[in-house]
Amino acid sequence: MCAKQVINIGTVANDGTGDALRTAFDKCNDNFDELYTDDAGDVGSITATAPIVRDSATGAVTISLADAGISTAKIADDAVTADKLANSINTEITANTAKVTNATHTGDVTGATALTIGDNKVITSKILDANVTTAKIADDAISYEKIDAEFSTASALSAGATVNVDFDAAQVFTLTPNQATTLNITNPKIGITKCAILTGAGGSYTLAFTVGGASGTFNKIAGDYDDTSSAKNFVQIVCVGATEFWYSISQIAS
């Protein structure tokens, strides 16, 4: 755009110092030509296509992104990078060209195509404990490899006058007593059975039980503890109430 051409009208009327009539109107024509030419390229009306919206078609127009946001159809393949994902997803994607489909998801994730991740992509995320209910677990879906350590591991106990047996820690406990010993049950769970393999020390030591440091009720089914050196005692104890247990003690048949 050129600068506006100003018509010189002199200092006072008819002082002879202003532009000649032809020169003045030539400047007028040039100025009008420039205005009309520029106006031909002006925007007369603005139309927005979702998700872009406008507040008016002409004048001072504001363009913004609609509340509905951007649909997956508007996102090019391979366009979503890890730094563009919301923190709430709490996700890390490795490798170069990760394409995540249905990355914004509401409700339960079900079905094989509910969330599709490219090969060699790693996603780490947290599912709230409250969101995992028995209704969400398929029948026959929990294998031995998936059960907690309290049902699938063995724990060696340290000898002492009182030895804690944590029902949450393991399924099988082993111990060689070095004195008269009280097995103190902690974190008992009704209906759960625990086993202990006690190896005799040869000191004529005795065995007793408590629960949470108190006496509780321990109903003996059969057997007694044998502290003969190297004798193996199989102690099986079942929790039937908050402070009530049934137990049996047996040895390897001779």
Foldseek 3Di string as FASTA:
>chain_A
DDDQDDWFCDDDHPPPPTDDPVVRVVSVVVNVVVVVVVVVPDQDFDDDDPQWDWPGTDDDIDIDGHPVHDDPVNADQQRDDPVNDDCQQVWDWDDDRWGWPCSPDDDDQDDPVSIDIDPPIDIDGDDDPVVDDPVVADPPRADPVNDAQLEPHEEEWDEDQETEDESRHHQEYEYEHPAAHEYEYEPDDAFDKHKYKYFAQQPPHAYHYFYPPHRFAEAEPEDGDDNHGRWIKIKMWHHHDPRYIYIYIDTDDD
